[in-house]
């Protein structure tokens, strides 16, 4: 099972849409600090926010498979 590399995805999404962490935070209804800890791999987004980020990335034209990590669970 693959997991999403949210730090890379968030950074790519912000770059693609020319957004700061603060601007992205406002768009999804979280604080700047929340986006910062996600992007710096200190925490993962909650499932409902993960879904929103994936939707935004797809809408922005990012290839989501590029941001998947292979799981060690076999």
N, C-alpha and C. Protein backbone atom coordinates (compact mmCIF):
# COMPACT_ATOMS: atom_id res chain seq x y z
N UNK A 1 0.85 -1.19 0.00
CA UNK A 1 0.00 0.00 0.00
C UNK A 1 0.89 1.24 0.00
N UNK A 2 0.54 2.20 -0.79
CA UNK A 2 1.33 3.43 -0.90
C UNK A 2 0.76 4.51 0.01
N UNK A 3 1.65 5.34 0.53
CA UNK A 3 1.23 6.49 1.32
C UNK A 3 1.68 7.75 0.58
N UNK A 4 1.03 8.84 0.87
CA UNK A 4 1.35 10.10 0.20
C UNK A 4 2.46 10.83 0.95
N UNK A 5 3.41 11.34 0.22
CA UNK A 5 4.48 12.18 0.77
C UNK A 5 3.95 13.61 0.83
N UNK A 6 3.21 13.91 1.90
CA UNK A 6 2.56 15.22 1.98
C UNK A 6 3.53 16.40 2.01
N UNK A 7 4.68 16.32 2.66
CA UNK A 7 5.58 17.47 2.58
C UNK A 7 5.94 17.85 1.15
N UNK A 8 6.29 16.87 0.33
CA UNK A 8 6.62 17.15 -1.08
C UNK A 8 5.39 17.62 -1.85
N UNK A 9 4.24 16.99 -1.61
CA UNK A 9 3.01 17.35 -2.31
C UNK A 9 2.61 18.78 -1.99
N UNK A 10 2.64 19.15 -0.73
CA UNK A 10 2.23 20.50 -0.33
C UNK A 10 3.17 21.54 -0.93
N UNK A 11 4.45 21.27 -0.88
CA UNK A 11 5.42 22.22 -1.46
C UNK A 11 5.19 22.37 -2.96
N UNK A 12 4.95 21.24 -3.66
CA UNK A 12 4.72 21.30 -5.11
C UNK A 12 3.41 22.02 -5.42
N UNK A 13 2.38 21.76 -4.62
CA UNK A 13 1.09 22.43 -4.82
C UNK A 13 1.25 23.94 -4.65
N UNK A 14 1.95 24.35 -3.61
CA UNK A 14 2.14 25.78 -3.38
C UNK A 14 2.92 26.41 -4.53
N UNK A 15 3.96 25.72 -4.99
CA UNK A 15 4.77 26.25 -6.09
C UNK A 15 3.94 26.36 -7.36
N UNK A 16 3.18 25.32 -7.66
CA UNK A 16 2.36 25.29 -8.88
C UNK A 16 1.34 26.42 -8.87
N UNK A 17 0.77 26.71 -7.71
CA UNK A 17 -0.26 27.74 -7.60
C UNK A 17 0.28 29.08 -7.12
N UNK A 18 1.59 29.18 -6.95
CA UNK A 18 2.24 30.41 -6.48
C UNK A 18 1.64 30.93 -5.17
N UNK A 19 1.55 30.02 -4.20
CA UNK A 19 0.98 30.36 -2.90
C UNK A 19 2.04 30.30 -1.81
N UNK A 20 1.90 31.15 -0.82
CA UNK A 20 2.72 31.04 0.39
C UNK A 20 2.04 30.02 1.30
N UNK A 21 2.74 29.61 2.34
CA UNK A 21 2.13 28.71 3.32
C UNK A 21 0.90 29.37 3.94
N UNK A 22 0.99 30.65 4.21
CA UNK A 22 -0.12 31.37 4.81
C UNK A 22 -1.34 31.42 3.87
N UNK A 23 -1.10 31.64 2.59
CA UNK A 23 -2.20 31.67 1.63
C UNK A 23 -2.88 30.32 1.50
N UNK A 24 -2.08 29.25 1.43
CA UNK A 24 -2.64 27.91 1.36
C UNK A 24 -3.44 27.61 2.63
N UNK A 25 -2.91 27.99 3.77
CA UNK A 25 -3.60 27.76 5.03
C UNK A 25 -4.98 28.41 5.03
N UNK A 26 -5.05 29.65 4.56
CA UNK A 26 -6.34 30.35 4.48
C UNK A 26 -7.31 29.62 3.57
N UNK A 27 -6.81 29.12 2.43
CA UNK A 27 -7.68 28.43 1.47
C UNK A 27 -8.32 27.17 2.04
N UNK A 28 -7.58 26.46 2.88
CA UNK A 28 -8.12 25.20 3.40
C UNK A 28 -8.63 25.33 4.84
N UNK A 29 -8.53 26.52 5.41
CA UNK A 29 -9.11 26.77 6.72
C UNK A 29 -8.32 26.27 7.91
N UNK A 30 -6.99 26.33 7.79
CA UNK A 30 -6.11 25.97 8.90
C UNK A 30 -5.14 27.12 9.15
N UNK A 31 -4.33 27.00 10.19
CA UNK A 31 -3.36 28.05 10.49
C UNK A 31 -2.09 27.88 9.65
N UNK A 32 -1.35 28.97 9.58
CA UNK A 32 -0.04 28.93 8.92
C UNK A 32 0.82 27.85 9.57
N UNK A 33 0.82 27.79 10.91
CA UNK A 33 1.65 26.83 11.63
C UNK A 33 1.31 25.40 11.23
N UNK A 34 0.03 25.12 11.00
CA UNK A 34 -0.38 23.78 10.60
C UNK A 34 0.24 23.40 9.26
N UNK A 35 0.15 24.28 8.29
CA UNK A 35 0.75 24.00 6.98
C UNK A 35 2.27 23.85 7.12
N UNK A 36 2.87 24.68 7.95
CA UNK A 36 4.31 24.62 8.16
C UNK A 36 4.75 23.28 8.73
N UNK A 37 4.03 22.76 9.74
CA UNK A 37 4.43 21.47 10.32
C UNK A 37 4.18 20.32 9.35
N UNK A 38 3.16 20.44 8.49
CA UNK A 38 2.96 19.41 7.47
C UNK A 38 4.11 19.42 6.47
N UNK A 39 4.44 20.62 6.00
CA UNK A 39 5.46 20.73 4.95
C UNK A 39 6.84 20.35 5.48
N UNK A 40 7.07 20.50 6.76
CA UNK A 40 8.35 20.14 7.36
C UNK A 40 8.33 18.75 7.98
N UNK A 41 7.31 17.96 7.65
CA UNK A 41 7.20 16.54 8.03
C UNK A 41 7.16 16.30 9.53
N UNK A 42 6.61 17.25 10.28
CA UNK A 42 6.48 17.04 11.72
C UNK A 42 5.16 16.35 12.07
N UNK A 43 4.16 16.51 11.19
CA UNK A 43 2.85 15.86 11.36
C UNK A 43 2.23 15.64 10.00
N UNK A 44 1.23 14.74 9.97
CA UNK A 44 0.47 14.47 8.76
C UNK A 44 -0.89 15.17 8.87
N UNK A 45 -1.46 15.59 7.75
CA UNK A 45 -2.81 16.17 7.78
C UNK A 45 -3.84 15.13 8.23
N UNK A 46 -4.91 15.61 8.85
CA UNK A 46 -6.03 14.73 9.19
C UNK A 46 -6.65 14.23 7.89
N UNK A 47 -7.32 13.06 7.94
CA UNK A 47 -7.86 12.46 6.71
C UNK A 47 -8.71 13.40 5.86
N UNK A 48 -9.60 14.18 6.46
CA UNK A 48 -10.45 15.05 5.65
C UNK A 48 -9.63 16.17 4.99
N UNK A 49 -8.55 16.60 5.64
CA UNK A 49 -7.68 17.61 5.03
C UNK A 49 -6.75 16.98 3.99
N UNK A 50 -6.34 15.75 4.23
CA UNK A 50 -5.54 15.03 3.24
C UNK A 50 -6.31 14.92 1.94
N UNK A 51 -7.59 14.58 2.05
CA UNK A 51 -8.43 14.45 0.87
C UNK A 51 -8.53 15.78 0.13
N UNK A 52 -8.72 16.86 0.87
CA UNK A 52 -8.81 18.20 0.26
C UNK A 52 -7.51 18.56 -0.45
N UNK A 53 -6.37 18.29 0.19
CA UNK A 53 -5.07 18.58 -0.43
C UNK A 53 -4.87 17.78 -1.71
N UNK A 54 -5.25 16.51 -1.69
CA UNK A 54 -5.13 15.68 -2.89
C UNK A 54 -6.03 16.19 -4.01
N UNK A 55 -7.24 16.62 -3.65
CA UNK A 55 -8.14 17.20 -4.65
C UNK A 55 -7.55 18.47 -5.25
N UNK A 56 -7.02 19.34 -4.39
CA UNK A 56 -6.42 20.58 -4.88
C UNK A 56 -5.23 20.29 -5.79
N UNK A 57 -4.42 19.31 -5.42
CA UNK A 57 -3.25 18.95 -6.23
C UNK A 57 -3.68 18.43 -7.59
N UNK A 58 -4.71 17.59 -7.61
CA UNK A 58 -5.20 17.06 -8.88
C UNK A 58 -5.76 18.19 -9.75
N UNK A 59 -6.52 19.10 -9.14
CA UNK A 59 -7.06 20.24 -9.88
C UNK A 59 -5.96 21.13 -10.44
N UNK A 60 -4.84 21.19 -9.73
CA UNK A 60 -3.71 22.01 -10.18
C UNK A 60 -2.89 21.31 -11.27
N UNK A 61 -3.23 20.05 -11.55
CA UNK A 61 -2.53 19.32 -12.60
C UNK A 61 -1.31 18.55 -12.15
N UNK A 62 -1.16 18.35 -10.85
CA UNK A 62 -0.02 17.57 -10.36
C UNK A 62 -0.31 16.08 -10.55
N UNK A 63 0.70 15.33 -10.91
CA UNK A 63 0.60 13.88 -11.07
C UNK A 63 0.77 13.25 -9.69
N UNK A 64 -0.33 12.80 -9.10
CA UNK A 64 -0.32 12.34 -7.71
C UNK A 64 0.59 11.15 -7.47
N UNK A 65 0.78 10.30 -8.46
CA UNK A 65 1.65 9.13 -8.30
C UNK A 65 3.09 9.53 -7.97
N UNK A 66 3.49 10.72 -8.38
CA UNK A 66 4.85 11.20 -8.09
C UNK A 66 5.07 11.44 -6.61
N UNK A 67 3.99 11.53 -5.86
CA UNK A 67 4.07 11.87 -4.44
C UNK A 67 3.68 10.70 -3.55
N UNK A 68 3.79 9.50 -4.08
CA UNK A 68 3.49 8.29 -3.30
C UNK A 68 4.78 7.65 -2.82
N UNK A 69 4.72 7.13 -1.59
CA UNK A 69 5.82 6.37 -1.01
C UNK A 69 5.36 4.92 -0.94
N UNK A 70 6.23 3.99 -1.26
CA UNK A 70 5.89 2.59 -1.11
C UNK A 70 5.91 2.26 0.39
N UNK A 71 4.92 1.48 0.81
CA UNK A 71 4.84 1.09 2.20
C UNK A 71 5.73 -0.12 2.45
N UNK A 72 6.25 -0.22 3.66
CA UNK A 72 7.08 -1.36 4.04
C UNK A 72 6.24 -2.56 4.46
N UNK A 73 4.93 -2.38 4.61
CA UNK A 73 4.05 -3.47 5.02
C UNK A 73 3.83 -4.41 3.85
N UNK A 74 4.15 -5.65 4.03
CA UNK A 74 3.91 -6.66 2.99
C UNK A 74 3.22 -7.85 3.62
